[in-house]
Amino acid sequence: MANPELRLYGEIWIYSGPFPYKGRTPVDRTVKNQESAIAHEYIAHIDPSIRAVSPLIDALESTPFPSEAECREGCRITGIAVDALFGSTMNGTQRAEGKR
């Protein structure tokens, strides 16, 4: 059995000065400061991406493999799929936000 774990790596760049930054008002009107900007990034982009990939991870975790080699291959294939889906979901939420 696989024992998958989702790890997120990256950086979130949040302006820490007064809002609106250079006169640009955030699309999300709840963003008023650094703390609310970070919350927005999680709520609008990161959390939906995690929810999108969770079924892939759950399916891997519940799959019995006949050998270690097949388990490793299943993990490799799932890892590629998780990476692609996470990225496309993140891009989709950002594009949707940009259209508002």
PDB file of N, CA and C in Angstrom:
ATOM      1  N   MET A   1       0.852  -1.181   0.000  1.00  0.00           N
ATOM      2  CA  MET A   1       0.000   0.000   0.000  1.00  0.00           C
ATOM      3  C   MET A   1       0.895   1.241   0.000  1.00  0.00           C
ATOM      4  N   ALA A   2       0.430   2.239  -0.706  1.00  0.00           N
ATOM      5  CA  ALA A   2       1.142   3.521  -0.731  1.00  0.00           C
ATOM      6  C   ALA A   2       0.749   4.318   0.504  1.00  0.00           C
ATOM      7  N   ASN A   3       1.629   5.173   0.932  1.00  0.00           N
ATOM      8  CA  ASN A   3       1.359   6.063   2.059  1.00  0.00           C
ATOM      9  C   ASN A   3       1.647   7.498   1.587  1.00  0.00           C
ATOM     10  N   PRO A   4       0.754   8.040   0.733  1.00  0.00           N
ATOM     11  CA  PRO A   4       1.033   9.346   0.132  1.00  0.00           C
ATOM     12  C   PRO A   4       0.872  10.499   1.110  1.00  0.00           C
ATOM     13  N   GLU A   5       1.542  11.573   0.781  1.00  0.00           N
ATOM     14  CA  GLU A   5       1.415  12.803   1.561  1.00  0.00           C
ATOM     15  C   GLU A   5       1.574  13.965   0.591  1.00  0.00           C
ATOM     16  N   LEU A   6       0.715  14.957   0.721  1.00  0.00           N
ATOM     17  CA  LEU A   6       0.758  16.129  -0.142  1.00  0.00           C
ATOM     18  C   LEU A   6       1.626  17.185   0.517  1.00  0.00           C
ATOM     19  N   ARG A   7       2.641  17.635  -0.200  1.00  0.00           N
ATOM     20  CA  ARG A   7       3.516  18.697   0.296  1.00  0.00           C
ATOM     21  C   ARG A   7       3.458  19.849  -0.702  1.00  0.00           C
ATOM     22  N   LEU A   8       3.271  21.023  -0.178  1.00  0.00           N
ATOM     23  CA  LEU A   8       3.211  22.209  -1.028  1.00  0.00           C
ATOM     24  C   LEU A   8       4.469  23.031  -0.829  1.00  0.00           C
ATOM     25  N   TYR A   9       5.091  23.377  -1.929  1.00  0.00           N
ATOM     26  CA  TYR A   9       6.285  24.213  -1.893  1.00  0.00           C
ATOM     27  C   TYR A   9       6.019  25.448  -2.742  1.00  0.00           C
ATOM     28  N   GLY A  10       6.503  26.547  -2.303  1.00  0.00           N
ATOM     29  CA  GLY A  10       6.358  27.758  -3.084  1.00  0.00           C
ATOM     30  C   GLY A  10       6.336  28.969  -2.188  1.00  0.00           C
ATOM     31  N   GLU A  11       6.123  30.077  -2.805  1.00  0.00           N
ATOM     32  CA  GLU A  11       6.101  31.329  -2.075  1.00  0.00           C
ATOM     33  C   GLU A  11       4.848  32.098  -2.445  1.00  0.00           C
ATOM     34  N   ILE A  12       4.326  32.816  -1.487  1.00  0.00           N
ATOM     35  CA  ILE A  12       3.230  33.738  -1.727  1.00  0.00           C
ATOM     36  C   ILE A  12       3.804  35.129  -1.502  1.00  0.00           C
ATOM     37  N   TRP A  13       3.700  35.969  -2.509  1.00  0.00           N
ATOM     38  CA  TRP A  13       4.200  37.328  -2.395  1.00  0.00           C
ATOM     39  C   TRP A  13       3.020  38.235  -2.072  1.00  0.00           C
ATOM     40  N   ILE A  14       3.035  38.787  -0.893  1.00  0.00           N
ATOM     41  CA  ILE A  14       1.963  39.664  -0.412  1.00  0.00           C
ATOM     42  C   ILE A  14       2.577  41.022  -0.093  1.00  0.00           C
ATOM     43  N   TYR A  15       2.004  42.049  -0.641  1.00  0.00           N
ATOM     44  CA  TYR A  15       2.445  43.411  -0.345  1.00  0.00           C
ATOM     45  C   TYR A  15       2.081  43.744   1.099  1.00  0.00           C
ATOM     46  N   SER A  16       3.022  44.248   1.864  1.00  0.00           N
ATOM     47  CA  SER A  16       2.781  44.501   3.284  1.00  0.00           C
ATOM     48  C   SER A  16       2.527  45.976   3.598  1.00  0.00           C
ATOM     49  N   GLY A  17       2.501  46.808   2.576  1.00  0.00           N
ATOM     50  CA  GLY A  17       2.249  48.232   2.796  1.00  0.00           C
ATOM     51  C   GLY A  17       0.763  48.530   2.824  1.00  0.00           C
ATOM     52  N   PRO A  18       0.443  49.793   2.774  1.00  0.00           N
ATOM     53  CA  PRO A  18      -0.973  50.164   2.809  1.00  0.00           C
ATOM     54  C   PRO A  18      -1.695  49.736   1.527  1.00  0.00           C
ATOM     55  N   PHE A  19      -2.957  49.358   1.684  1.00  0.00           N
ATOM     56  CA  PHE A  19      -3.778  48.987   0.536  1.00  0.00           C
ATOM     57  C   PHE A  19      -4.654  50.175   0.188  1.00  0.00           C
ATOM     58  N   PRO A  20      -5.023  50.419  -1.032  1.00  0.00           N
ATOM     59  CA  PRO A  20      -4.630  49.655  -2.202  1.00  0.00           C
ATOM     60  C   PRO A  20      -3.207  49.982  -2.641  1.00  0.00           C
ATOM     61  N   TYR A  21      -2.511  48.983  -3.122  1.00  0.00           N
ATOM     62  CA  TYR A  21      -1.123  49.099  -3.557  1.00  0.00           C
ATOM     63  C   TYR A  21      -1.062  49.885  -4.863  1.00  0.00           C
ATOM     64  N   LYS A  22      -0.341  50.981  -4.866  1.00  0.00           N
ATOM     65  CA  LYS A  22      -0.184  51.833  -6.051  1.00  0.00           C
ATOM     66  C   LYS A  22      -1.534  52.134  -6.698  1.00  0.00           C
ATOM     67  N   GLY A  23      -2.562  52.309  -5.868  1.00  0.00           N
ATOM     68  CA  GLY A  23      -3.874  52.647  -6.384  1.00  0.00           C
ATOM     69  C   GLY A  23      -4.669  51.491  -6.939  1.00  0.00           C
ATOM     70  N   ARG A  24      -4.096  50.275  -6.927  1.00  0.00           N
ATOM     71  CA  ARG A  24      -4.812  49.107  -7.464  1.00  0.00           C
ATOM     72  C   ARG A  24      -5.631  48.470  -6.355  1.00  0.00           C
ATOM     73  N   THR A  25      -6.915  48.446  -6.526  1.00  0.00           N
ATOM     74  CA  THR A  25      -7.797  47.820  -5.555  1.00  0.00           C
ATOM     75  C   THR A  25      -7.851  46.323  -5.843  1.00  0.00           C
ATOM     76  N   PRO A  26      -7.705  45.481  -4.811  1.00  0.00           N
ATOM     77  CA  PRO A  26      -7.802  44.036  -5.036  1.00  0.00           C
ATOM     78  C   PRO A  26      -9.180  43.647  -5.578  1.00  0.00           C
ATOM     79  N   VAL A  27      -9.210  42.621  -6.405  1.00  0.00           N
ATOM     80  CA  VAL A  27     -10.477  42.111  -6.935  1.00  0.00           C
ATOM     81  C   VAL A  27     -11.375  41.677  -5.788  1.00  0.00           C
ATOM     82  N   ASP A  28     -10.808  40.970  -4.835  1.00  0.00           N
ATOM     83  CA  ASP A  28     -11.550  40.519  -3.658  1.00  0.00           C
ATOM     84  C   ASP A  28     -11.626  41.682  -2.676  1.00  0.00           C
ATOM     85  N   ARG A  29     -12.801  42.213  -2.481  1.00  0.00           N
ATOM     86  CA  ARG A  29     -12.989  43.394  -1.629  1.00  0.00           C
ATOM     87  C   ARG A  29     -12.743  43.113  -0.146  1.00  0.00           C
ATOM     88  N   THR A  30     -12.614  41.842   0.227  1.00  0.00           N
ATOM     89  CA  THR A  30     -12.306  41.533   1.630  1.00  0.00           C
ATOM     90  C   THR A  30     -10.822  41.731   1.930  1.00  0.00           C
ATOM     91  N   VAL A  31     -10.007  41.876   0.882  1.00  0.00           N
ATOM     92  CA  VAL A  31      -8.570  42.068   1.069  1.00  0.00           C
ATOM     93  C   VAL A  31      -8.323  43.531   1.448  1.00  0.00           C
ATOM     94  N   LYS A  32      -7.939  43.708   2.703  1.00  0.00           N
ATOM     95  CA  LYS A  32      -7.704  45.053   3.231  1.00  0.00           C
ATOM     96  C   LYS A  32      -6.287  45.256   3.747  1.00  0.00           C
ATOM     97  N   ASN A  33      -5.602  44.135   4.018  1.00  0.00           N
ATOM     98  CA  ASN A  33      -4.271  44.213   4.608  1.00  0.00           C
ATOM     99  C   ASN A  33      -3.537  42.902   4.313  1.00  0.00           C
ATOM    100  N   GLN A  34      -2.342  42.777   4.857  1.00  0.00           N
ATOM    101  CA  GLN A  34      -1.525  41.590   4.603  1.00  0.00           C
ATOM    102  C   GLN A  34      -2.219  40.307   5.075  1.00  0.00           C
ATOM    103  N   GLU A  35      -2.803  40.344   6.248  1.00  0.00           N
ATOM    104  CA  GLU A  35      -3.450  39.140   6.794  1.00  0.00           C
ATOM    105  C   GLU A  35      -4.621  38.693   5.922  1.00  0.00           C
ATOM    106  N   SER A  36      -5.465  39.631   5.505  1.00  0.00           N
ATOM    107  CA  SER A  36      -6.604  39.254   4.669  1.00  0.00           C
ATOM    108  C   SER A  36      -6.152  38.839   3.266  1.00  0.00           C
ATOM    109  N   ALA A  37      -5.023  39.362   2.792  1.00  0.00           N
ATOM    110  CA  ALA A  37      -4.484  38.951   1.494  1.00  0.00           C
ATOM    111  C   ALA A  37      -4.008  37.499   1.540  1.00  0.00           C
ATOM    112  N   ILE A  38      -3.363  37.120   2.623  1.00  0.00           N
ATOM    113  CA  ILE A  38      -2.922  35.725   2.784  1.00  0.00           C
ATOM    114  C   ILE A  38      -4.131  34.803   2.869  1.00  0.00           C
ATOM    115  N   ALA A  39      -5.130  35.196   3.645  1.00  0.00           N
ATOM    116  CA  ALA A  39      -6.354  34.391   3.761  1.00  0.00           C
ATOM    117  C   ALA A  39      -6.999  34.224   2.388  1.00  0.00           C
ATOM    118  N   HIS A  40      -7.032  35.289   1.615  1.00  0.00           N
ATOM    119  CA  HIS A  40      -7.609  35.216   0.267  1.00  0.00           C
ATOM    120  C   HIS A  40      -6.872  34.187  -0.583  1.00  0.00           C
ATOM    121  N   GLU A  41      -5.550  34.192  -0.561  1.00  0.00           N
ATOM    122  CA  GLU A  41      -4.775  33.257  -1.378  1.00  0.00           C
ATOM    123  C   GLU A  41      -5.133  31.811  -1.043  1.00  0.00           C
ATOM    124  N   TYR A  42      -5.278  31.522   0.240  1.00  0.00           N
ATOM    125  CA  TYR A  42      -5.657  30.161   0.641  1.00  0.00           C
ATOM    126  C   TYR A  42      -7.076  29.839   0.219  1.00  0.00           C
ATOM    127  N   ILE A  43      -8.011  30.708   0.543  1.00  0.00           N
ATOM    128  CA  ILE A  43      -9.429  30.442   0.280  1.00  0.00           C
ATOM    129  C   ILE A  43      -9.713  30.367  -1.220  1.00  0.00           C
ATOM    130  N   ALA A  44      -9.160  31.294  -1.981  1.00  0.00           N
ATOM    131  CA  ALA A  44      -9.497  31.386  -3.402  1.00  0.00           C
ATOM    132  C   ALA A  44      -8.662  30.487  -4.306  1.00  0.00           C
ATOM    133  N   HIS A  45      -7.454  30.131  -3.894  1.00  0.00           N
ATOM    134  CA  HIS A  45      -6.557  29.419  -4.810  1.00  0.00           C
ATOM    135  C   HIS A  45      -5.985  28.107  -4.263  1.00  0.00           C
ATOM    136  N   ILE A  46      -5.409  28.143  -3.085  1.00  0.00           N
ATOM    137  CA  ILE A  46      -4.719  26.953  -2.576  1.00  0.00           C
ATOM    138  C   ILE A  46      -5.707  25.876  -2.131  1.00  0.00           C
ATOM    139  N   ASP A  47      -6.694  26.246  -1.314  1.00  0.00           N
ATOM    140  CA  ASP A  47      -7.655  25.248  -0.828  1.00  0.00           C
ATOM    141  C   ASP A  47      -8.417  24.557  -1.967  1.00  0.00           C
ATOM    142  N   PRO A  48      -8.909  25.297  -2.996  1.00  0.00           N
ATOM    143  CA  PRO A  48      -9.565  24.598  -4.108  1.00  0.00           C
ATOM    144  C   PRO A  48      -8.631  23.635  -4.840  1.00  0.00           C
ATOM    145  N   SER A  49      -7.364  23.984  -4.934  1.00  0.00           N
ATOM    146  CA  SER A  49      -6.405  23.104  -5.600  1.00  0.00           C
ATOM    147  C   SER A  49      -6.173  21.836  -4.787  1.00  0.00           C
ATOM    148  N   ILE A  50      -6.114  21.973  -3.475  1.00  0.00           N
ATOM    149  CA  ILE A  50      -5.967  20.798  -2.606  1.00  0.00           C
ATOM    150  C   ILE A  50      -7.197  19.902  -2.730  1.00  0.00           C
ATOM    151  N   ARG A  51      -8.391  20.506  -2.728  1.00  0.00           N
ATOM    152  CA  ARG A  51      -9.625  19.708  -2.867  1.00  0.00           C
ATOM    153  C   ARG A  51      -9.656  18.982  -4.206  1.00  0.00           C
ATOM    154  N   ALA A  52      -9.127  19.607  -5.250  1.00  0.00           N
ATOM    155  CA  ALA A  52      -9.137  18.985  -6.571  1.00  0.00           C
ATOM    156  C   ALA A  52      -8.273  17.729  -6.617  1.00  0.00           C
ATOM    157  N   VAL A  53      -7.122  17.746  -5.960  1.00  0.00           N
ATOM    158  CA  VAL A  53      -6.200  16.605  -6.037  1.00  0.00           C
ATOM    159  C   VAL A  53      -6.456  15.546  -4.973  1.00  0.00           C
ATOM    160  N   SER A  54      -7.221  15.872  -3.954  1.00  0.00           N
ATOM    161  CA  SER A  54      -7.454  14.918  -2.860  1.00  0.00           C
ATOM    162  C   SER A  54      -8.021  13.579  -3.326  1.00  0.00           C
ATOM    163  N   PRO A  55      -8.970  13.539  -4.279  1.00  0.00           N
ATOM    164  CA  PRO A  55      -9.449  12.221  -4.737  1.00  0.00           C
ATOM    165  C   PRO A  55      -8.359  11.362  -5.367  1.00  0.00           C
ATOM    166  N   LEU A  56      -7.415  11.975  -6.062  1.00  0.00           N
ATOM    167  CA  LEU A  56      -6.306  11.211  -6.649  1.00  0.00           C
ATOM    168  C   LEU A  56      -5.437  10.598  -5.550  1.00  0.00           C
ATOM    169  N   ILE A  57      -5.173  11.379  -4.530  1.00  0.00           N
ATOM    170  CA  ILE A  57      -4.348  10.905  -3.414  1.00  0.00           C
ATOM    171  C   ILE A  57      -5.089   9.817  -2.646  1.00  0.00           C
ATOM    172  N   ASP A  58      -6.376  10.036  -2.408  1.00  0.00           N
ATOM    173  CA  ASP A  58      -7.183   9.031  -1.692  1.00  0.00           C
ATOM    174  C   ASP A  58      -7.233   7.714  -2.467  1.00  0.00           C
ATOM    175  N   ALA A  59      -7.382   7.802  -3.789  1.00  0.00           N
ATOM    176  CA  ALA A  59      -7.431   6.589  -4.611  1.00  0.00           C
ATOM    177  C   ALA A  59      -6.114   5.832  -4.540  1.00  0.00           C
ATOM    178  N   LEU A  60      -5.011   6.549  -4.596  1.00  0.00           N
ATOM    179  CA  LEU A  60      -3.700   5.906  -4.483  1.00  0.00           C
ATOM    180  C   LEU A  60      -3.559   5.213  -3.136  1.00  0.00           C
ATOM    181  N   GLU A  61      -3.965   5.915  -2.096  1.00  0.00           N
ATOM    182  CA  GLU A  61      -3.824   5.379  -0.736  1.00  0.00           C
ATOM    183  C   GLU A  61      -4.659   4.111  -0.520  1.00  0.00           C
ATOM    184  N   SER A  62      -5.766   3.992  -1.235  1.00  0.00           N
ATOM    185  CA  SER A  62      -6.641   2.832  -1.031  1.00  0.00           C
ATOM    186  C   SER A  62      -6.373   1.696  -2.017  1.00  0.00           C
ATOM    187  N   THR A  63      -5.381   1.862  -2.883  1.00  0.00           N
ATOM    188  CA  THR A  63      -5.082   0.840  -3.892  1.00  0.00           C
ATOM    189  C   THR A  63      -4.050  -0.147  -3.371  1.00  0.00           C
ATOM    190  N   PRO A  64      -4.405  -1.435  -3.337  1.00  0.00           N
ATOM    191  CA  PRO A  64      -3.395  -2.445  -2.983  1.00  0.00           C
ATOM    192  C   PRO A  64      -2.559  -2.778  -4.234  1.00  0.00           C
ATOM    193  N   PHE A  65      -1.261  -2.806  -4.077  1.00  0.00           N
ATOM    194  CA  PHE A  65      -0.370  -3.119  -5.185  1.00  0.00           C
ATOM    195  C   PHE A  65       0.251  -4.493  -4.944  1.00  0.00           C
ATOM    196  N   PRO A  66       0.388  -5.296  -6.006  1.00  0.00           N
ATOM    197  CA  PRO A  66       0.953  -6.638  -5.837  1.00  0.00           C
ATOM    198  C   PRO A  66       2.449  -6.655  -5.560  1.00  0.00           C
ATOM    199  N   SER A  67       3.139  -5.554  -5.865  1.00  0.00           N
ATOM    200  CA  SER A  67       4.580  -5.534  -5.623  1.00  0.00           C
ATOM    201  C   SER A  67       5.020  -4.108  -5.308  1.00  0.00           C
ATOM    202  N   GLU A  68       6.200  -4.002  -4.734  1.00  0.00           N
ATOM    203  CA  GLU A  68       6.763  -2.679  -4.423  1.00  0.00           C
ATOM    204  C   GLU A  68       7.018  -1.886  -5.702  1.00  0.00           C
ATOM    205  N   ALA A  69       7.473  -2.571  -6.742  1.00  0.00           N
ATOM    206  CA  ALA A  69       7.742  -1.886  -8.007  1.00  0.00           C
ATOM    207  C   ALA A  69       6.462  -1.280  -8.583  1.00  0.00           C
ATOM    208  N   GLU A  70       5.373  -2.031  -8.513  1.00  0.00           N
ATOM    209  CA  GLU A  70       4.102  -1.504  -9.024  1.00  0.00           C
ATOM    210  C   GLU A  70       3.578  -0.366  -8.145  1.00  0.00           C
ATOM    211  N   CYS A  71       3.836  -0.452  -6.861  1.00  0.00           N
ATOM    212  CA  CYS A  71       3.460   0.626  -5.951  1.00  0.00           C
ATOM    213  C   CYS A  71       4.237   1.895  -6.300  1.00  0.00           C
ATOM    214  N   ARG A  72       5.526   1.761  -6.523  1.00  0.00           N
ATOM    215  CA  ARG A  72       6.351   2.922  -6.893  1.00  0.00           C
ATOM    216  C   ARG A  72       5.868   3.536  -8.210  1.00  0.00           C
ATOM    217  N   GLU A  73       5.516   2.693  -9.163  1.00  0.00           N
ATOM    218  CA  GLU A  73       5.029   3.195 -10.448  1.00  0.00           C
ATOM    219  C   GLU A  73       3.681   3.895 -10.273  1.00  0.00           C
ATOM    220  N   GLY A  74       2.811   3.322  -9.469  1.00  0.00           N
ATOM    221  CA  GLY A  74       1.531   3.967  -9.179  1.00  0.00           C
ATOM    222  C   GLY A  74       1.726   5.315  -8.502  1.00  0.00           C
ATOM    223  N   CYS A  75       2.688   5.381  -7.602  1.00  0.00           N
ATOM    224  CA  CYS A  75       3.005   6.647  -6.929  1.00  0.00           C
ATOM    225  C   CYS A  75       3.563   7.665  -7.916  1.00  0.00           C
ATOM    226  N   ARG A  76       4.416   7.219  -8.816  1.00  0.00           N
ATOM    227  CA  ARG A  76       5.005   8.115  -9.809  1.00  0.00           C
ATOM    228  C   ARG A  76       3.919   8.691 -10.723  1.00  0.00           C
ATOM    229  N   ILE A  77       3.055   7.827 -11.212  1.00  0.00           N
ATOM    230  CA  ILE A  77       1.986   8.261 -12.109  1.00  0.00           C
ATOM    231  C   ILE A  77       1.027   9.206 -11.385  1.00  0.00           C
ATOM    232  N   THR A  78       0.672   8.862 -10.160  1.00  0.00           N
ATOM    233  CA  THR A  78      -0.224   9.723  -9.386  1.00  0.00           C
ATOM    234  C   THR A  78       0.440  11.059  -9.090  1.00  0.00           C
ATOM    235  N   GLY A  79       1.716  11.052  -8.779  1.00  0.00           N
ATOM    236  CA  GLY A  79       2.435  12.293  -8.509  1.00  0.00           C
ATOM    237  C   GLY A  79       2.400  13.242  -9.696  1.00  0.00           C
ATOM    238  N   ILE A  80       2.581  12.698 -10.883  1.00  0.00           N
ATOM    239  CA  ILE A  80       2.527  13.515 -12.098  1.00  0.00           C
ATOM    240  C   ILE A  80       1.125  14.088 -12.283  1.00  0.00           C
ATOM    241  N   ALA A  81       0.111  13.244 -12.073  1.00  0.00           N
ATOM    242  CA  ALA A  81      -1.273  13.694 -12.227  1.00  0.00           C
ATOM    243  C   ALA A  81      -1.638  14.749 -11.183  1.00  0.00           C
ATOM    244  N   VAL A  82      -1.194  14.556  -9.941  1.00  0.00           N
ATOM    245  CA  VAL A  82      -1.469  15.528  -8.874  1.00  0.00           C
ATOM    246  C   VAL A  82      -0.807  16.862  -9.201  1.00  0.00           C
ATOM    247  N   ASP A  83       0.432  16.818  -9.635  1.00  0.00           N
ATOM    248  CA  ASP A  83       1.147  18.044  -9.971  1.00  0.00           C
ATOM    249  C   ASP A  83       0.429  18.812 -11.088  1.00  0.00           C
ATOM    250  N   ALA A  84       0.026  18.101 -12.126  1.00  0.00           N
ATOM    251  CA  ALA A  84      -0.643  18.739 -13.261  1.00  0.00           C
ATOM    252  C   ALA A  84      -2.004  19.309 -12.851  1.00  0.00           C
ATOM    253  N   LEU A  85      -2.783  18.534 -12.097  1.00  0.00           N
ATOM    254  CA  LEU A  85      -4.114  18.991 -11.700  1.00  0.00           C
ATOM    255  C   LEU A  85      -4.035  20.146 -10.712  1.00  0.00           C
ATOM    256  N   PHE A  86      -3.109  20.077  -9.779  1.00  0.00           N
ATOM    257  CA  PHE A  86      -2.947  21.175  -8.823  1.00  0.00           C
ATOM    258  C   PHE A  86      -2.611  22.465  -9.577  1.00  0.00           C
ATOM    259  N   GLY A  87      -1.662  22.383 -10.492  1.00  0.00           N
ATOM    260  CA  GLY A  87      -1.254  23.562 -11.255  1.00  0.00           C
ATOM    261  C   GLY A  87      -2.370  24.101 -12.124  1.00  0.00           C
ATOM    262  N   SER A  88      -3.099  23.227 -12.797  1.00  0.00           N
ATOM    263  CA  SER A  88      -4.172  23.709 -13.666  1.00  0.00           C
ATOM    264  C   SER A  88      -5.322  24.289 -12.851  1.00  0.00           C
ATOM    265  N   THR A  89      -5.592  23.719 -11.688  1.00  0.00           N
ATOM    266  CA  THR A  89      -6.641  24.272 -10.823  1.00  0.00           C
ATOM    267  C   THR A  89      -6.223  25.642 -10.312  1.00  0.00           C
ATOM    268  N   MET A  90      -4.988  25.755  -9.880  1.00  0.00           N
ATOM    269  CA  MET A  90      -4.477  27.039  -9.405  1.00  0.00           C
ATOM    270  C   MET A  90      -4.550  28.082 -10.516  1.00  0.00           C
ATOM    271  N   ASN A  91      -4.103  27.722 -11.716  1.00  0.00           N
ATOM    272  CA  ASN A  91      -4.171  28.648 -12.843  1.00  0.00           C
ATOM    273  C   ASN A  91      -5.608  29.034 -13.161  1.00  0.00           C
ATOM    274  N   GLY A  92      -6.510  28.061 -13.075  1.00  0.00           N
ATOM    275  CA  GLY A  92      -7.917  28.329 -13.365  1.00  0.00           C
ATOM    276  C   GLY A  92      -8.534  29.301 -12.363  1.00  0.00           C
ATOM    277  N   THR A  93      -8.217  29.132 -11.088  1.00  0.00           N
ATOM    278  CA  THR A  93      -8.776  30.060 -10.092  1.00  0.00           C
ATOM    279  C   THR A  93      -8.207  31.452 -10.281  1.00  0.00           C
ATOM    280  N   GLN A  94      -6.947  31.542 -10.670  1.00  0.00           N
ATOM    281  CA  GLN A  94      -6.335  32.853 -10.901  1.00  0.00           C
ATOM    282  C   GLN A  94      -6.906  33.522 -12.152  1.00  0.00           C
ATOM    283  N   ARG A  95      -7.108  32.747 -13.210  1.00  0.00           N
ATOM    284  CA  ARG A  95      -7.712  33.312 -14.427  1.00  0.00           C
ATOM    285  C   ARG A  95      -9.137  33.776 -14.151  1.00  0.00           C
ATOM    286  N   ALA A  96      -9.907  32.958 -13.448  1.00  0.00           N
ATOM    287  CA  ALA A  96     -11.284  33.337 -13.123  1.00  0.00           C
ATOM    288  C   ALA A  96     -11.327  34.618 -12.303  1.00  0.00           C
ATOM    289  N   GLU A  97     -10.408  34.746 -11.378  1.00  0.00           N
ATOM    290  CA  GLU A  97     -10.345  35.949 -10.569  1.00  0.00           C
ATOM    291  C   GLU A  97      -9.975  37.169 -11.422  1.00  0.00           C
ATOM    292  N   GLY A  98      -9.088  36.972 -12.374  1.00  0.00           N
ATOM    293  CA  GLY A  98      -8.670  38.070 -13.234  1.00  0.00           C
ATOM    294  C   GLY A  98      -9.783  38.564 -14.151  1.00  0.00           C
ATOM    295  N   LYS A  99     -10.765  37.714 -14.422  1.00  0.00           N
ATOM    296  CA  LYS A  99     -11.881  38.085 -15.290  1.00  0.00           C
ATOM    297  C   LYS A  99     -12.957  38.868 -14.547  1.00  0.00           C
ATOM    298  N   ARG A 100     -12.891  38.861 -13.213  1.00  0.00           N
ATOM    299  CA  ARG A 100     -13.920  39.576 -12.441  1.00  0.00           C
ATOM    300  C   ARG A 100     -13.657  41.058 -12.459  1.00  0.00           C
TER     301      ARG A 100
END
